[in-house]
């Protein structure tokens, strides 16, 4: 919306699955007025085709996970050396939470596993933990688990414990492993205070400048 207010700018929007089969063009919608659409079909009511070479700059802004269509678009843009804000290589590199394995000194204790047995061992060692897909986001694909007295328990948002059978837990783990783009599941230390005080997100530029921070507070039911 800011870009369309400037002179001599033409602004278009497209999604990763709008890439043509020959990888040379995309289906786009020209944005001429401020927009706030919730449904894609409304946004693309009047679309056209443009070659990727026609764009002076492409700004990549898409929530994780890096799914198949987004991965394909990133590969095409990188191979074509297209002028892009948010380097495709960088998105590939940090496209899942597995990247946090490089930041263990400043993150909660976490095990990164790629098979069910190792995942169960991680849960047993952690005892109070949260298991999640490596490419999940927005609180999705997250399950609090507790291990005590040789039994596993799932924890509801209200803190209620319910025993979870081993076979059911294995199915859940295998589902997370299968759905994760890098076949990795995270077992993260459960911080009891997080449910009340939330967690803090800090935005840092080039490992030097703190641009800002904010706290995510869970919704109250």
C-alpha atoms as a PDB file:
ATOM      1  CA  UNK A   1       0.000   0.000   0.000  1.00  0.00           C
ATOM      2  CA  UNK A   2       2.903   2.380   0.673  1.00  0.00           C
ATOM      3  CA  UNK A   3       4.527   1.571  -2.682  1.00  0.00           C
ATOM      4  CA  UNK A   4       1.411   2.345  -4.725  1.00  0.00           C
ATOM      5  CA  UNK A   5       1.261   5.805  -3.167  1.00  0.00           C
ATOM      6  CA  UNK A   6       4.596   6.722  -4.769  1.00  0.00           C
ATOM      7  CA  UNK A   7       5.019   8.142  -8.261  1.00  0.00           C
ATOM      8  CA  UNK A   8       6.274   5.952 -11.097  1.00  0.00           C
ATOM      9  CA  UNK A   9       5.704   2.714  -9.213  1.00  0.00           C
ATOM     10  CA  UNK A  10       3.705  -0.230 -10.524  1.00  0.00           C
ATOM     11  CA  UNK A  11       2.932  -2.830  -7.883  1.00  0.00           C
ATOM     12  CA  UNK A  12       1.864  -6.419  -8.515  1.00  0.00           C
ATOM     13  CA  UNK A  13       1.226  -9.359  -6.216  1.00  0.00           C
ATOM     14  CA  UNK A  14       1.436 -13.087  -6.804  1.00  0.00           C
ATOM     15  CA  UNK A  15       1.686 -16.317  -4.842  1.00  0.00           C
ATOM     16  CA  UNK A  16       4.270 -19.080  -5.162  1.00  0.00           C
ATOM     17  CA  UNK A  17       1.858 -21.410  -6.970  1.00  0.00           C
ATOM     18  CA  UNK A  18       1.257 -18.764  -9.661  1.00  0.00           C
ATOM     19  CA  UNK A  19       4.551 -19.632 -11.342  1.00  0.00           C
ATOM     20  CA  UNK A  20       4.110 -20.880 -14.907  1.00  0.00           C
ATOM     21  CA  UNK A  21       5.105 -24.393 -15.953  1.00  0.00           C
ATOM     22  CA  UNK A  22       8.079 -23.061 -17.925  1.00  0.00           C
ATOM     23  CA  UNK A  23       9.251 -21.084 -14.835  1.00  0.00           C
ATOM     24  CA  UNK A  24       9.441 -17.847 -16.832  1.00  0.00           C
ATOM     25  CA  UNK A  25       6.296 -15.976 -15.881  1.00  0.00           C
ATOM     26  CA  UNK A  26       3.739 -15.566 -13.088  1.00  0.00           C
ATOM     27  CA  UNK A  27       0.051 -14.806 -12.811  1.00  0.00           C
ATOM     28  CA  UNK A  28      -0.203 -11.413 -11.139  1.00  0.00           C
ATOM     29  CA  UNK A  29      -2.731  -8.863  -9.949  1.00  0.00           C
ATOM     30  CA  UNK A  30      -1.888  -5.184 -10.354  1.00  0.00           C
ATOM     31  CA  UNK A  31      -2.515  -3.223  -7.172  1.00  0.00           C
ATOM     32  CA  UNK A  32      -3.792   0.258  -7.919  1.00  0.00           C
ATOM     33  CA  UNK A  33      -5.633   1.047  -4.684  1.00  0.00           C
ATOM     34  CA  UNK A  34      -5.068   0.108  -1.027  1.00  0.00           C
ATOM     35  CA  UNK A  35      -6.145  -3.497  -0.523  1.00  0.00           C
ATOM     36  CA  UNK A  36      -6.980  -5.806   2.358  1.00  0.00           C
ATOM     37  CA  UNK A  37      -8.299  -9.058   0.980  1.00  0.00           C
ATOM     38  CA  UNK A  38      -8.780 -12.166   3.100  1.00  0.00           C
ATOM     39  CA  UNK A  39      -9.502 -14.537   0.233  1.00  0.00           C
ATOM     40  CA  UNK A  40      -7.096 -15.192  -2.592  1.00  0.00           C
ATOM     41  CA  UNK A  41      -9.863 -15.595  -5.162  1.00  0.00           C
ATOM     42  CA  UNK A  42     -10.984 -12.028  -4.455  1.00  0.00           C
ATOM     43  CA  UNK A  43      -7.428 -10.721  -4.807  1.00  0.00           C
ATOM     44  CA  UNK A  44      -7.027 -12.449  -8.164  1.00  0.00           C
ATOM     45  CA  UNK A  45     -10.361 -11.487  -9.682  1.00  0.00           C
ATOM     46  CA  UNK A  46      -8.544  -9.526 -12.415  1.00  0.00           C
ATOM     47  CA  UNK A  47      -5.208 -11.123 -13.138  1.00  0.00           C
ATOM     48  CA  UNK A  48      -2.708 -11.091 -15.957  1.00  0.00           C
ATOM     49  CA  UNK A  49       0.566 -12.781 -16.900  1.00  0.00           C
ATOM     50  CA  UNK A  50       3.965 -11.109 -16.550  1.00  0.00           C
ATOM     51  CA  UNK A  51       7.459 -12.365 -17.223  1.00  0.00           C
ATOM     52  CA  UNK A  52       9.745 -12.518 -14.196  1.00  0.00           C
ATOM     53  CA  UNK A  53      12.249 -10.472 -16.199  1.00  0.00           C
ATOM     54  CA  UNK A  54       9.837  -7.515 -16.255  1.00  0.00           C
ATOM     55  CA  UNK A  55      10.128  -6.842 -12.522  1.00  0.00           C
ATOM     56  CA  UNK A  56      12.666  -4.327 -11.249  1.00  0.00           C
ATOM     57  CA  UNK A  57      12.468  -5.814  -7.756  1.00  0.00           C
ATOM     58  CA  UNK A  58      10.671  -8.752  -6.153  1.00  0.00           C
ATOM     59  CA  UNK A  59       9.873  -8.582  -2.442  1.00  0.00           C
ATOM     60  CA  UNK A  60       9.435 -12.060  -0.955  1.00  0.00           C
ATOM     61  CA  UNK A  61       7.011 -12.080   1.950  1.00  0.00           C
ATOM     62  CA  UNK A  62       5.422 -15.422   2.756  1.00  0.00           C
ATOM     63  CA  UNK A  63       4.879 -17.297   5.998  1.00  0.00           C
ATOM     64  CA  UNK A  64       6.736 -20.529   6.596  1.00  0.00           C
ATOM     65  CA  UNK A  65       6.729 -23.432   5.975  1.00  0.00           C
ATOM     66  CA  UNK A  66       8.665 -23.481   2.709  1.00  0.00           C
ATOM     67  CA  UNK A  67       6.271 -25.779   0.874  1.00  0.00           C
ATOM     68  CA  UNK A  68       6.848 -27.364  -2.523  1.00  0.00           C
ATOM     69  CA  UNK A  69       5.526 -24.468  -4.604  1.00  0.00           C
ATOM     70  CA  UNK A  70       7.451 -21.860  -2.584  1.00  0.00           C
ATOM     71  CA  UNK A  71      10.629 -23.949  -2.795  1.00  0.00           C
ATOM     72  CA  UNK A  72      10.247 -24.088  -6.577  1.00  0.00           C
ATOM     73  CA  UNK A  73       9.802 -20.319  -6.811  1.00  0.00           C
ATOM     74  CA  UNK A  74      12.869 -19.727  -4.619  1.00  0.00           C
ATOM     75  CA  UNK A  75      14.957 -22.027  -6.811  1.00  0.00           C
ATOM     76  CA  UNK A  76      13.827 -20.247  -9.987  1.00  0.00           C
ATOM     77  CA  UNK A  77      14.503 -16.764  -8.582  1.00  0.00           C
ATOM     78  CA  UNK A  78      17.913 -17.825  -7.290  1.00  0.00           C
ATOM     79  CA  UNK A  79      18.932 -19.519 -10.553  1.00  0.00           C
ATOM     80  CA  UNK A  80      17.755 -16.529 -12.592  1.00  0.00           C
ATOM     81  CA  UNK A  81      19.608 -14.085 -10.302  1.00  0.00           C
ATOM     82  CA  UNK A  82      16.366 -12.128 -10.079  1.00  0.00           C
ATOM     83  CA  UNK A  83      16.478  -8.852  -8.102  1.00  0.00           C
ATOM     84  CA  UNK A  84      14.996 -10.016  -4.795  1.00  0.00           C
ATOM     85  CA  UNK A  85      14.528  -8.571  -1.323  1.00  0.00           C
ATOM     86  CA  UNK A  86      14.883 -11.447   1.199  1.00  0.00           C
ATOM     87  CA  UNK A  87      17.526 -13.644  -0.379  1.00  0.00           C
ATOM     88  CA  UNK A  88      16.138 -17.052  -1.478  1.00  0.00           C
ATOM     89  CA  UNK A  89      19.265 -18.742  -0.074  1.00  0.00           C
ATOM     90  CA  UNK A  90      18.571 -17.166   3.309  1.00  0.00           C
ATOM     91  CA  UNK A  91      14.963 -18.362   3.263  1.00  0.00           C
ATOM     92  CA  UNK A  92      16.153 -21.876   2.415  1.00  0.00           C
ATOM     93  CA  UNK A  93      18.655 -21.735   5.257  1.00  0.00           C
ATOM     94  CA  UNK A  94      16.233 -20.640   7.968  1.00  0.00           C
ATOM     95  CA  UNK A  95      13.055 -22.057   6.457  1.00  0.00           C
ATOM     96  CA  UNK A  96      12.445 -24.372   9.416  1.00  0.00           C
ATOM     97  CA  UNK A  97      12.958 -24.209  13.178  1.00  0.00           C
ATOM     98  CA  UNK A  98      15.846 -26.664  12.811  1.00  0.00           C
ATOM     99  CA  UNK A  99      18.021 -23.605  12.159  1.00  0.00           C
ATOM    100  CA  UNK A 100      17.749 -22.859  15.885  1.00  0.00           C
ATOM    101  CA  UNK A 101      20.172 -25.733  16.475  1.00  0.00           C
ATOM    102  CA  UNK A 102      22.869 -23.169  15.609  1.00  0.00           C
ATOM    103  CA  UNK A 103      21.681 -20.897  18.430  1.00  0.00           C
ATOM    104  CA  UNK A 104      21.547 -23.275  21.382  1.00  0.00           C
ATOM    105  CA  UNK A 105      23.319 -20.841  23.712  1.00  0.00           C
ATOM    106  CA  UNK A 106      20.412 -18.393  23.590  1.00  0.00           C
ATOM    107  CA  UNK A 107      17.402 -20.677  23.069  1.00  0.00           C
ATOM    108  CA  UNK A 108      15.516 -23.083  25.309  1.00  0.00           C
ATOM    109  CA  UNK A 109      16.967 -26.586  25.625  1.00  0.00           C
ATOM    110  CA  UNK A 110      15.930 -28.483  22.501  1.00  0.00           C
ATOM    111  CA  UNK A 111      16.452 -31.909  20.952  1.00  0.00           C
ATOM    112  CA  UNK A 112      16.308 -32.217  17.152  1.00  0.00           C
ATOM    113  CA  UNK A 113      15.307 -35.750  16.115  1.00  0.00           C
ATOM    114  CA  UNK A 114      14.541 -37.507  12.850  1.00  0.00           C
ATOM    115  CA  UNK A 115      13.078 -40.812  13.964  1.00  0.00           C
ATOM    116  CA  UNK A 116      10.475 -41.966  16.451  1.00  0.00           C
ATOM    117  CA  UNK A 117      12.766 -43.791  18.902  1.00  0.00           C
ATOM    118  CA  UNK A 118      15.120 -40.822  19.287  1.00  0.00           C
ATOM    119  CA  UNK A 119      12.098 -38.560  19.733  1.00  0.00           C
ATOM    120  CA  UNK A 120      10.753 -40.754  22.549  1.00  0.00           C
ATOM    121  CA  UNK A 121      14.178 -40.761  24.216  1.00  0.00           C
ATOM    122  CA  UNK A 122      14.260 -36.975  24.004  1.00  0.00           C
ATOM    123  CA  UNK A 123      10.831 -36.707  25.648  1.00  0.00           C
ATOM    124  CA  UNK A 124      11.906 -39.071  28.450  1.00  0.00           C
ATOM    125  CA  UNK A 125      15.057 -37.059  29.100  1.00  0.00           C
ATOM    126  CA  UNK A 126      13.282 -33.699  28.969  1.00  0.00           C
ATOM    127  CA  UNK A 127      10.259 -34.967  30.963  1.00  0.00           C
ATOM    128  CA  UNK A 128       8.366 -31.652  30.691  1.00  0.00           C
ATOM    129  CA  UNK A 129       8.450 -30.558  27.081  1.00  0.00           C
ATOM    130  CA  UNK A 130       6.687 -29.363  23.972  1.00  0.00           C
ATOM    131  CA  UNK A 131       6.975 -31.323  20.732  1.00  0.00           C
ATOM    132  CA  UNK A 132       6.534 -29.555  17.416  1.00  0.00           C
ATOM    133  CA  UNK A 133       7.111 -29.776  13.680  1.00  0.00           C
ATOM    134  CA  UNK A 134      10.237 -28.041  12.472  1.00  0.00           C
ATOM    135  CA  UNK A 135       8.196 -26.061   9.940  1.00  0.00           C
ATOM    136  CA  UNK A 136       5.200 -25.240  12.096  1.00  0.00           C
ATOM    137  CA  UNK A 137       4.238 -21.645  12.900  1.00  0.00           C
ATOM    138  CA  UNK A 138       1.669 -19.592  14.764  1.00  0.00           C
ATOM    139  CA  UNK A 139       1.293 -22.155  17.543  1.00  0.00           C
ATOM    140  CA  UNK A 140       0.205 -24.875  15.116  1.00  0.00           C
ATOM    141  CA  UNK A 141       1.443 -28.479  15.299  1.00  0.00           C
ATOM    142  CA  UNK A 142       2.527 -28.027  18.921  1.00  0.00           C
ATOM    143  CA  UNK A 143       1.779 -30.507  21.733  1.00  0.00           C
ATOM    144  CA  UNK A 144       2.866 -30.219  25.408  1.00  0.00           C
ATOM    145  CA  UNK A 145       3.987 -33.623  26.740  1.00  0.00           C
ATOM    146  CA  UNK A 146       4.991 -34.759  30.217  1.00  0.00           C
ATOM    147  CA  UNK A 147       6.768 -38.001  31.119  1.00  0.00           C
ATOM    148  CA  UNK A 148       6.581 -39.327  34.680  1.00  0.00           C
ATOM    149  CA  UNK A 149       6.270 -42.699  36.402  1.00  0.00           C
ATOM    150  CA  UNK A 150       6.995 -44.413  33.056  1.00  0.00           C
ATOM    151  CA  UNK A 151       3.884 -42.864  31.494  1.00  0.00           C
ATOM    152  CA  UNK A 152       3.279 -40.116  28.952  1.00  0.00           C
ATOM    153  CA  UNK A 153       0.735 -37.334  29.462  1.00  0.00           C
ATOM    154  CA  UNK A 154      -0.568 -34.642  27.158  1.00  0.00           C
ATOM    155  CA  UNK A 155      -1.240 -31.247  28.734  1.00  0.00           C
ATOM    156  CA  UNK A 156      -4.251 -29.155  27.744  1.00  0.00           C
ATOM    157  CA  UNK A 157      -4.107 -25.355  27.442  1.00  0.00           C
ATOM    158  CA  UNK A 158      -5.730 -25.183  30.888  1.00  0.00           C
ATOM    159  CA  UNK A 159      -3.004 -27.386  32.367  1.00  0.00           C
ATOM    160  CA  UNK A 160      -5.070 -30.579  32.654  1.00  0.00           C
ATOM    161  CA  UNK A 161      -3.085 -33.813  32.336  1.00  0.00           C
ATOM    162  CA  UNK A 162      -4.384 -36.726  30.298  1.00  0.00           C
ATOM    163  CA  UNK A 163      -2.466 -39.944  29.806  1.00  0.00           C
ATOM    164  CA  UNK A 164      -1.563 -40.589  26.190  1.00  0.00           C
ATOM    165  CA  UNK A 165      -1.013 -44.169  25.050  1.00  0.00           C
ATOM    166  CA  UNK A 166       2.413 -44.957  23.636  1.00  0.00           C
ATOM    167  CA  UNK A 167       1.006 -46.003  20.245  1.00  0.00           C
ATOM    168  CA  UNK A 168      -0.932 -42.750  19.955  1.00  0.00           C
ATOM    169  CA  UNK A 169       2.161 -40.735  20.855  1.00  0.00           C
ATOM    170  CA  UNK A 170       4.196 -42.642  18.258  1.00  0.00           C
ATOM    171  CA  UNK A 171       1.557 -41.843  15.635  1.00  0.00           C
ATOM    172  CA  UNK A 172       1.739 -38.162  16.576  1.00  0.00           C
ATOM    173  CA  UNK A 173       5.542 -38.131  16.408  1.00  0.00           C
ATOM    174  CA  UNK A 174       5.576 -39.890  13.043  1.00  0.00           C
ATOM    175  CA  UNK A 175       2.999 -37.401  11.742  1.00  0.00           C
ATOM    176  CA  UNK A 176       5.175 -34.450  12.798  1.00  0.00           C
ATOM    177  CA  UNK A 177       8.250 -36.054  11.243  1.00  0.00           C
ATOM    178  CA  UNK A 178       6.426 -36.752   7.993  1.00  0.00           C
ATOM    179  CA  UNK A 179       4.928 -33.270   7.695  1.00  0.00           C
ATOM    180  CA  UNK A 180       8.184 -31.443   8.444  1.00  0.00           C
ATOM    181  CA  UNK A 181      10.042 -30.416   5.305  1.00  0.00           C
ATOM    182  CA  UNK A 182      13.354 -31.623   6.731  1.00  0.00           C
ATOM    183  CA  UNK A 183      11.890 -34.698   8.503  1.00  0.00           C
ATOM    184  CA  UNK A 184      12.807 -33.209  11.873  1.00  0.00           C
ATOM    185  CA  UNK A 185      10.816 -32.882  15.084  1.00  0.00           C
ATOM    186  CA  UNK A 186      11.729 -30.542  17.931  1.00  0.00           C
ATOM    187  CA  UNK A 187      11.429 -31.507  21.597  1.00  0.00           C
ATOM    188  CA  UNK A 188      11.661 -28.237  23.507  1.00  0.00           C
ATOM    189  CA  UNK A 189      11.960 -27.574  27.222  1.00  0.00           C
ATOM    190  CA  UNK A 190       8.567 -26.542  28.594  1.00  0.00           C
ATOM    191  CA  UNK A 191       8.766 -23.211  30.387  1.00  0.00           C
ATOM    192  CA  UNK A 192       5.821 -23.046  32.776  1.00  0.00           C
ATOM    193  CA  UNK A 193       5.937 -19.265  32.980  1.00  0.00           C
ATOM    194  CA  UNK A 194       5.446 -18.919  29.201  1.00  0.00           C
ATOM    195  CA  UNK A 195       1.740 -19.729  29.417  1.00  0.00           C
ATOM    196  CA  UNK A 196       1.220 -16.637  31.590  1.00  0.00           C
ATOM    197  CA  UNK A 197       3.863 -14.137  30.533  1.00  0.00           C
ATOM    198  CA  UNK A 198       4.241 -15.204  26.876  1.00  0.00           C
ATOM    199  CA  UNK A 199       7.517 -15.298  24.999  1.00  0.00           C
ATOM    200  CA  UNK A 200       9.663 -12.435  23.770  1.00  0.00           C
ATOM    201  CA  UNK A 201      10.613 -11.924  20.119  1.00  0.00           C
ATOM    202  CA  UNK A 202      13.547  -9.657  19.286  1.00  0.00           C
ATOM    203  CA  UNK A 203      14.319  -8.291  15.802  1.00  0.00           C
ATOM    204  CA  UNK A 204      18.075  -7.919  15.146  1.00  0.00           C
ATOM    205  CA  UNK A 205      19.699  -6.478  12.010  1.00  0.00           C
ATOM    206  CA  UNK A 206      22.986  -8.033  10.848  1.00  0.00           C
ATOM    207  CA  UNK A 207      23.699  -9.432  14.330  1.00  0.00           C
ATOM    208  CA  UNK A 208      24.364  -5.911  15.618  1.00  0.00           C
ATOM    209  CA  UNK A 209      21.387  -3.589  15.791  1.00  0.00           C
ATOM    210  CA  UNK A 210      18.251  -4.371  17.815  1.00  0.00           C
ATOM    211  CA  UNK A 211      15.346  -2.962  15.851  1.00  0.00           C
ATOM    212  CA  UNK A 212      12.737  -3.809  18.445  1.00  0.00           C
ATOM    213  CA  UNK A 213      11.110  -6.532  20.524  1.00  0.00           C
ATOM    214  CA  UNK A 214       7.652  -7.642  21.510  1.00  0.00           C
ATOM    215  CA  UNK A 215       5.975 -10.216  23.747  1.00  0.00           C
ATOM    216  CA  UNK A 216       3.513 -12.798  22.475  1.00  0.00           C
ATOM    217  CA  UNK A 217       0.819 -13.518  25.060  1.00  0.00           C
ATOM    218  CA  UNK A 218      -1.324 -16.648  24.540  1.00  0.00           C
ATOM    219  CA  UNK A 219      -5.028 -16.053  23.953  1.00  0.00           C
ATOM    220  CA  UNK A 220      -7.217 -16.476  27.010  1.00  0.00           C
ATOM    221  CA  UNK A 221     -10.189 -18.813  26.614  1.00  0.00           C
END
